[in-house]
């Protein structure tokens, strides 16, 4: 088995062509958090996503919904999770994700290494609000 984490910054004709005609034994994993749902809808086998640390169960539900063909559920989850991802990437990764994990008591500190600076409170608050909306 071989594959690739596909993080091209969007979905274009090359993405559609690749997922529409995958070679035998080759899989594509979505790598851009905000595009996970459409990538799964197009046939990606899964995803490698930083924002999945914030809503792991929901991202699993998203993949399962697309796999099961539950389009209404997958679309709703995909839109909600894209909002979470957009908020989490308002500042350089992983600053907002670390701030949110710290705010939720999941990690002991939100510190990041230089040259990064900690996330502002606004980005973390918007991400927390998006998560609450799940």
N, C-alpha and C. Protein backbone atom coordinates (compact mmCIF):
# COMPACT_ATOMS: atom_id res chain seq x y z
N UNK A 1 0.85 -1.18 0.00
CA UNK A 1 0.00 0.00 0.00
C UNK A 1 0.89 1.23 0.00
N UNK A 2 0.53 2.21 -0.79
CA UNK A 2 1.23 3.48 -0.86
C UNK A 2 0.20 4.59 -0.88
N UNK A 3 0.63 5.79 -0.55
CA UNK A 3 -0.31 6.88 -0.56
C UNK A 3 0.38 8.20 -0.37
N UNK A 4 -0.44 9.23 -0.23
CA UNK A 4 0.07 10.58 -0.09
C UNK A 4 -0.88 11.39 0.79
N UNK A 5 -0.28 12.27 1.60
CA UNK A 5 -1.07 13.28 2.30
C UNK A 5 -1.20 14.44 1.31
N UNK A 6 -2.42 14.75 0.92
CA UNK A 6 -2.68 15.75 -0.11
C UNK A 6 -3.03 17.06 0.55
N UNK A 7 -2.10 18.01 0.50
CA UNK A 7 -2.30 19.32 1.12
C UNK A 7 -1.89 20.39 0.12
N UNK A 8 -2.72 20.58 -0.89
CA UNK A 8 -2.41 21.49 -1.99
C UNK A 8 -3.02 22.88 -1.80
N UNK A 9 -3.70 23.11 -0.68
CA UNK A 9 -4.30 24.42 -0.43
C UNK A 9 -5.64 24.63 -1.07
N UNK A 10 -6.25 23.58 -1.56
CA UNK A 10 -7.55 23.67 -2.19
C UNK A 10 -7.84 22.42 -3.00
N UNK A 11 -8.96 22.45 -3.68
CA UNK A 11 -9.37 21.34 -4.53
C UNK A 11 -9.52 21.90 -5.94
N UNK A 12 -8.76 21.32 -6.86
CA UNK A 12 -8.83 21.76 -8.25
C UNK A 12 -9.04 20.55 -9.16
N UNK A 13 -8.95 20.77 -10.45
CA UNK A 13 -9.17 19.69 -11.40
C UNK A 13 -8.18 18.54 -11.21
N UNK A 14 -6.93 18.86 -10.85
CA UNK A 14 -5.94 17.80 -10.61
C UNK A 14 -6.36 16.92 -9.43
N UNK A 15 -6.92 17.54 -8.40
CA UNK A 15 -7.39 16.80 -7.24
C UNK A 15 -8.52 15.86 -7.65
N UNK A 16 -9.48 16.39 -8.39
CA UNK A 16 -10.62 15.59 -8.84
C UNK A 16 -10.15 14.44 -9.72
N UNK A 17 -9.21 14.72 -10.62
CA UNK A 17 -8.69 13.67 -11.51
C UNK A 17 -7.97 12.59 -10.72
N UNK A 18 -7.14 12.98 -9.76
CA UNK A 18 -6.42 12.00 -8.95
C UNK A 18 -7.37 11.09 -8.19
N UNK A 19 -8.33 11.69 -7.49
CA UNK A 19 -9.25 10.90 -6.68
C UNK A 19 -10.23 10.10 -7.54
N UNK A 20 -10.45 10.53 -8.76
CA UNK A 20 -11.37 9.82 -9.65
C UNK A 20 -10.76 8.62 -10.33
N UNK A 21 -9.43 8.50 -10.28
CA UNK A 21 -8.77 7.39 -10.98
C UNK A 21 -7.50 6.99 -10.22
N UNK A 22 -7.69 6.55 -8.98
CA UNK A 22 -6.55 6.16 -8.16
C UNK A 22 -5.93 4.85 -8.66
N UNK A 23 -4.62 4.80 -8.71
CA UNK A 23 -3.97 3.53 -9.05
C UNK A 23 -4.26 2.47 -7.98
N UNK A 24 -4.23 1.22 -8.36
CA UNK A 24 -4.43 0.14 -7.40
C UNK A 24 -3.38 0.24 -6.29
N UNK A 25 -3.82 0.07 -5.05
CA UNK A 25 -2.91 0.08 -3.92
C UNK A 25 -2.43 1.45 -3.51
N UNK A 26 -3.08 2.50 -3.97
CA UNK A 26 -2.67 3.87 -3.66
C UNK A 26 -3.84 4.60 -3.01
N UNK A 27 -3.56 5.28 -1.91
CA UNK A 27 -4.61 6.02 -1.21
C UNK A 27 -4.19 7.47 -1.00
N UNK A 28 -5.18 8.33 -0.92
CA UNK A 28 -4.96 9.74 -0.66
C UNK A 28 -5.57 10.08 0.69
N UNK A 29 -4.81 10.79 1.51
CA UNK A 29 -5.30 11.30 2.79
C UNK A 29 -5.40 12.81 2.69
N UNK A 30 -6.53 13.36 3.10
CA UNK A 30 -6.71 14.81 3.11
C UNK A 30 -5.73 15.42 4.10
N UNK A 31 -5.10 16.51 3.71
CA UNK A 31 -4.13 17.15 4.58
C UNK A 31 -4.43 18.60 4.89
N UNK A 32 -5.38 19.20 4.20
CA UNK A 32 -5.81 20.56 4.49
C UNK A 32 -7.09 20.47 5.31
N UNK A 33 -7.02 20.91 6.55
CA UNK A 33 -8.12 20.72 7.50
C UNK A 33 -9.46 21.19 6.97
N UNK A 34 -9.52 22.38 6.40
CA UNK A 34 -10.79 22.94 5.94
C UNK A 34 -11.39 22.19 4.77
N UNK A 35 -10.57 21.41 4.06
CA UNK A 35 -11.04 20.68 2.89
C UNK A 35 -11.22 19.18 3.16
N UNK A 36 -11.18 18.78 4.40
CA UNK A 36 -11.30 17.35 4.72
C UNK A 36 -12.61 16.77 4.21
N UNK A 37 -13.72 17.43 4.45
CA UNK A 37 -15.01 16.87 4.06
C UNK A 37 -15.14 16.71 2.54
N UNK A 38 -14.85 17.75 1.74
CA UNK A 38 -14.95 17.51 0.30
C UNK A 38 -13.94 16.49 -0.21
N UNK A 39 -12.77 16.42 0.39
CA UNK A 39 -11.81 15.40 -0.03
C UNK A 39 -12.34 14.00 0.27
N UNK A 40 -12.96 13.81 1.42
CA UNK A 40 -13.56 12.51 1.75
C UNK A 40 -14.70 12.21 0.79
N UNK A 41 -15.48 13.22 0.46
CA UNK A 41 -16.60 13.02 -0.48
C UNK A 41 -16.10 12.60 -1.85
N UNK A 42 -14.92 13.07 -2.23
CA UNK A 42 -14.35 12.74 -3.53
C UNK A 42 -13.61 11.40 -3.54
N UNK A 43 -13.44 10.81 -2.34
CA UNK A 43 -12.82 9.49 -2.29
C UNK A 43 -11.54 9.37 -1.50
N UNK A 44 -11.11 10.40 -0.80
CA UNK A 44 -9.94 10.28 0.06
C UNK A 44 -10.19 9.18 1.09
N UNK A 45 -9.15 8.45 1.43
CA UNK A 45 -9.26 7.32 2.35
C UNK A 45 -9.33 7.75 3.81
N UNK A 46 -8.95 8.96 4.11
CA UNK A 46 -8.92 9.46 5.47
C UNK A 46 -8.28 10.83 5.47
N UNK A 47 -7.73 11.21 6.61
CA UNK A 47 -7.15 12.54 6.73
C UNK A 47 -6.09 12.57 7.82
N UNK A 48 -5.15 13.49 7.66
CA UNK A 48 -4.16 13.81 8.69
C UNK A 48 -4.34 15.29 8.96
N UNK A 49 -4.94 15.64 10.11
CA UNK A 49 -5.38 17.00 10.36
C UNK A 49 -5.00 17.49 11.74
N UNK A 50 -4.40 18.65 11.83
CA UNK A 50 -4.05 19.22 13.12
C UNK A 50 -5.30 19.53 13.94
N UNK A 51 -6.34 20.05 13.30
CA UNK A 51 -7.55 20.42 14.04
C UNK A 51 -8.32 19.21 14.56
N UNK A 52 -7.97 18.03 14.10
CA UNK A 52 -8.60 16.83 14.65
C UNK A 52 -8.24 16.62 16.11
N UNK A 53 -7.17 17.25 16.58
CA UNK A 53 -6.83 17.19 18.01
C UNK A 53 -7.90 17.87 18.85
N UNK A 54 -8.66 18.77 18.24
CA UNK A 54 -9.67 19.54 18.97
C UNK A 54 -11.03 18.86 18.98
N UNK A 55 -11.31 18.04 17.98
CA UNK A 55 -12.64 17.41 17.86
C UNK A 55 -12.48 16.03 17.22
N UNK A 56 -11.67 15.20 17.83
CA UNK A 56 -11.32 13.91 17.25
C UNK A 56 -12.56 13.08 16.93
N UNK A 57 -13.46 12.95 17.87
CA UNK A 57 -14.65 12.13 17.66
C UNK A 57 -15.48 12.65 16.50
N UNK A 58 -15.59 13.96 16.37
CA UNK A 58 -16.39 14.54 15.28
C UNK A 58 -15.75 14.29 13.92
N UNK A 59 -14.42 14.34 13.85
CA UNK A 59 -13.76 14.04 12.58
C UNK A 59 -13.91 12.57 12.22
N UNK A 60 -13.89 11.70 13.21
CA UNK A 60 -14.15 10.27 12.96
C UNK A 60 -15.57 10.09 12.45
N UNK A 61 -16.52 10.79 13.07
CA UNK A 61 -17.92 10.74 12.62
C UNK A 61 -18.04 11.23 11.18
N UNK A 62 -17.29 12.27 10.84
CA UNK A 62 -17.32 12.80 9.47
C UNK A 62 -16.87 11.75 8.47
N UNK A 63 -15.73 11.13 8.74
CA UNK A 63 -15.22 10.10 7.83
C UNK A 63 -16.19 8.93 7.74
N UNK A 64 -16.75 8.54 8.87
CA UNK A 64 -17.71 7.42 8.88
C UNK A 64 -18.97 7.76 8.12
N UNK A 65 -19.45 8.99 8.24
CA UNK A 65 -20.66 9.40 7.53
C UNK A 65 -20.44 9.36 6.02
N UNK A 66 -19.30 9.86 5.54
CA UNK A 66 -19.03 9.79 4.10
C UNK A 66 -18.90 8.35 3.65
N UNK A 67 -18.23 7.53 4.45
CA UNK A 67 -18.05 6.12 4.09
C UNK A 67 -19.39 5.38 4.02
N UNK A 68 -20.30 5.73 4.93
CA UNK A 68 -21.61 5.09 4.96
C UNK A 68 -22.59 5.67 3.95
N UNK A 69 -22.21 6.76 3.30
CA UNK A 69 -23.12 7.39 2.34
C UNK A 69 -24.18 8.25 2.99
N UNK A 70 -23.97 8.63 4.25
CA UNK A 70 -24.91 9.49 4.96
C UNK A 70 -24.58 10.95 4.61
N UNK A 71 -24.98 11.36 3.43
CA UNK A 71 -24.61 12.66 2.90
C UNK A 71 -25.12 13.82 3.77
N UNK A 72 -26.38 13.82 4.21
CA UNK A 72 -26.83 14.95 5.04
C UNK A 72 -25.99 15.11 6.32
N UNK A 73 -25.69 14.00 6.98
CA UNK A 73 -24.87 14.07 8.20
C UNK A 73 -23.45 14.53 7.87
N UNK A 74 -22.88 13.98 6.81
CA UNK A 74 -21.52 14.34 6.44
C UNK A 74 -21.43 15.82 6.07
N UNK A 75 -22.40 16.31 5.33
CA UNK A 75 -22.37 17.73 4.96
C UNK A 75 -22.46 18.64 6.18
N UNK A 76 -23.38 18.32 7.07
CA UNK A 76 -23.54 19.15 8.27
C UNK A 76 -22.26 19.15 9.11
N UNK A 77 -21.72 17.97 9.34
CA UNK A 77 -20.47 17.88 10.11
C UNK A 77 -19.33 18.58 9.37
N UNK A 78 -19.25 18.37 8.07
CA UNK A 78 -18.18 18.98 7.29
C UNK A 78 -18.19 20.49 7.37
N UNK A 79 -19.38 21.09 7.28
CA UNK A 79 -19.47 22.55 7.38
C UNK A 79 -19.07 23.03 8.78
N UNK A 80 -19.55 22.35 9.81
CA UNK A 80 -19.23 22.74 11.18
C UNK A 80 -17.74 22.58 11.46
N UNK A 81 -17.16 21.49 11.01
CA UNK A 81 -15.73 21.26 11.25
C UNK A 81 -14.86 22.20 10.43
N UNK A 82 -15.31 22.60 9.26
CA UNK A 82 -14.56 23.57 8.47
C UNK A 82 -14.50 24.92 9.20
N UNK A 83 -15.59 25.27 9.91
CA UNK A 83 -15.58 26.51 10.70
C UNK A 83 -14.57 26.40 11.84
N UNK A 84 -14.51 25.25 12.49
CA UNK A 84 -13.52 25.03 13.55
C UNK A 84 -12.11 25.17 12.98
N UNK A 85 -11.87 24.52 11.86
CA UNK A 85 -10.54 24.56 11.24
C UNK A 85 -10.16 25.97 10.82
N UNK A 86 -11.11 26.70 10.25
CA UNK A 86 -10.82 28.08 9.83
C UNK A 86 -10.42 28.93 11.03
N UNK A 87 -11.12 28.79 12.13
CA UNK A 87 -10.79 29.55 13.33
C UNK A 87 -9.44 29.12 13.90
N UNK A 88 -9.17 27.82 13.87
CA UNK A 88 -7.92 27.29 14.43
C UNK A 88 -6.69 27.72 13.62
N UNK A 89 -6.91 28.09 12.36
CA UNK A 89 -5.78 28.49 11.51
C UNK A 89 -5.76 29.99 11.23
N UNK A 90 -6.44 30.78 12.07
CA UNK A 90 -6.37 32.23 11.93
C UNK A 90 -4.97 32.75 12.21
N UNK A 91 -4.22 32.02 13.00
CA UNK A 91 -2.85 32.35 13.33
C UNK A 91 -1.99 31.14 13.00
N UNK A 92 -0.67 31.30 12.95
CA UNK A 92 0.17 30.17 12.56
C UNK A 92 -0.05 28.92 13.41
N UNK A 93 -0.10 27.80 12.73
CA UNK A 93 -0.23 26.51 13.38
C UNK A 93 1.08 26.21 14.11
N UNK A 94 1.07 25.73 15.32
CA UNK A 94 -0.03 25.21 16.11
C UNK A 94 -0.49 26.15 17.23
N UNK A 95 -0.29 27.45 17.08
CA UNK A 95 -0.52 28.35 18.20
C UNK A 95 -1.95 28.32 18.73
N UNK A 96 -2.92 28.38 17.86
CA UNK A 96 -4.32 28.40 18.31
C UNK A 96 -4.71 27.02 18.86
N UNK A 97 -4.28 25.99 18.19
CA UNK A 97 -4.61 24.64 18.66
C UNK A 97 -4.05 24.41 20.06
N UNK A 98 -2.82 24.83 20.29
CA UNK A 98 -2.24 24.67 21.63
C UNK A 98 -3.00 25.52 22.65
N UNK A 99 -3.41 26.73 22.26
CA UNK A 99 -4.16 27.59 23.18
C UNK A 99 -5.49 26.95 23.56
N UNK A 100 -6.17 26.36 22.59
CA UNK A 100 -7.46 25.72 22.85
C UNK A 100 -7.28 24.46 23.69
N UNK A 101 -6.28 23.65 23.37
CA UNK A 101 -6.02 22.45 24.17
C UNK A 101 -5.69 22.83 25.61
N UNK A 102 -4.94 23.91 25.78
CA UNK A 102 -4.63 24.37 27.14
C UNK A 102 -5.89 24.89 27.84
N UNK A 103 -6.70 25.66 27.14
CA UNK A 103 -7.93 26.20 27.74
C UNK A 103 -8.86 25.08 28.18
N UNK A 104 -8.81 23.96 27.48
CA UNK A 104 -9.67 22.81 27.83
C UNK A 104 -9.01 21.88 28.85
N UNK A 105 -7.81 22.23 29.32
CA UNK A 105 -7.13 21.42 30.32
C UNK A 105 -6.49 20.16 29.76
N UNK A 106 -6.28 20.10 28.46
CA UNK A 106 -5.73 18.89 27.83
C UNK A 106 -4.21 18.89 27.78
N UNK A 107 -3.59 20.07 27.82
CA UNK A 107 -2.13 20.17 27.88
C UNK A 107 -1.78 21.20 28.95
N UNK A 108 -0.58 21.08 29.55
CA UNK A 108 -0.26 21.95 30.70
C UNK A 108 0.03 23.40 30.35
N UNK A 109 0.40 23.69 29.13
CA UNK A 109 0.74 25.06 28.76
C UNK A 109 0.44 25.30 27.28
N UNK A 110 0.18 26.54 26.94
CA UNK A 110 -0.05 26.91 25.54
C UNK A 110 1.23 27.44 24.90
N UNK A 111 2.35 27.33 25.60
CA UNK A 111 3.61 27.85 25.09
C UNK A 111 3.98 27.23 23.74
N UNK A 112 4.60 28.04 22.91
CA UNK A 112 5.14 27.59 21.62
C UNK A 112 6.60 28.04 21.55
N UNK A 113 7.35 27.40 20.67
CA UNK A 113 8.76 27.75 20.50
C UNK A 113 8.91 28.93 19.55
N UNK A 114 9.93 29.73 19.82
CA UNK A 114 10.27 30.82 18.92
C UNK A 114 10.66 30.23 17.56
N UNK A 115 10.33 30.87 16.50
CA UNK A 115 9.93 32.27 16.37
C UNK A 115 8.42 32.49 16.52
N UNK A 116 7.65 31.43 16.82
CA UNK A 116 6.21 31.60 17.01
C UNK A 116 5.94 32.35 18.31
N UNK A 117 4.84 33.04 18.33
CA UNK A 117 4.34 33.70 19.53
C UNK A 117 3.02 33.05 19.89
N UNK A 118 2.65 33.06 21.17
CA UNK A 118 1.37 32.46 21.56
C UNK A 118 0.20 33.09 20.81
N UNK A 119 -0.84 32.32 20.63
CA UNK A 119 -2.05 32.81 19.96
C UNK A 119 -2.68 33.93 20.78
N UNK A 120 -3.37 34.80 20.09
CA UNK A 120 -4.12 35.84 20.78
C UNK A 120 -5.39 35.22 21.37
N UNK A 121 -5.94 35.87 22.34
CA UNK A 121 -7.17 35.37 22.95
C UNK A 121 -8.34 35.31 21.99
N UNK A 122 -8.37 36.21 21.01
CA UNK A 122 -9.49 36.26 20.07
C UNK A 122 -9.58 35.01 19.22
N UNK A 123 -8.48 34.57 18.69
CA UNK A 123 -8.49 33.37 17.85
C UNK A 123 -8.88 32.14 18.64
N UNK A 124 -8.33 32.03 19.83
CA UNK A 124 -8.67 30.89 20.68
C UNK A 124 -10.15 30.92 21.06
N UNK A 125 -10.66 32.09 21.38
CA UNK A 125 -12.08 32.22 21.75
C UNK A 125 -12.99 31.86 20.58
N UNK A 126 -12.64 32.31 19.38
CA UNK A 126 -13.46 31.97 18.20
C UNK A 126 -13.43 30.47 17.93
N UNK A 127 -12.29 29.85 18.13
CA UNK A 127 -12.20 28.40 17.94
C UNK A 127 -13.02 27.68 18.99
N UNK A 128 -12.94 28.11 20.22
CA UNK A 128 -13.74 27.49 21.29
C UNK A 128 -15.24 27.64 21.00
N UNK A 129 -15.66 28.79 20.49
CA UNK A 129 -17.07 28.98 20.15
C UNK A 129 -17.48 28.05 19.01
N UNK A 130 -16.62 27.90 18.03
CA UNK A 130 -16.92 26.97 16.92
C UNK A 130 -17.04 25.54 17.44
N UNK A 131 -16.17 25.18 18.36
CA UNK A 131 -16.24 23.82 18.94
C UNK A 131 -17.53 23.64 19.74
N UNK A 132 -17.94 24.68 20.44
CA UNK A 132 -19.18 24.59 21.22
C UNK A 132 -20.38 24.39 20.32
N UNK A 133 -20.28 24.88 19.08
CA UNK A 133 -21.37 24.74 18.13
C UNK A 133 -21.49 23.36 17.52
N UNK A 134 -20.53 22.50 17.80
CA UNK A 134 -20.62 21.13 17.27
C UNK A 134 -21.68 20.40 18.03
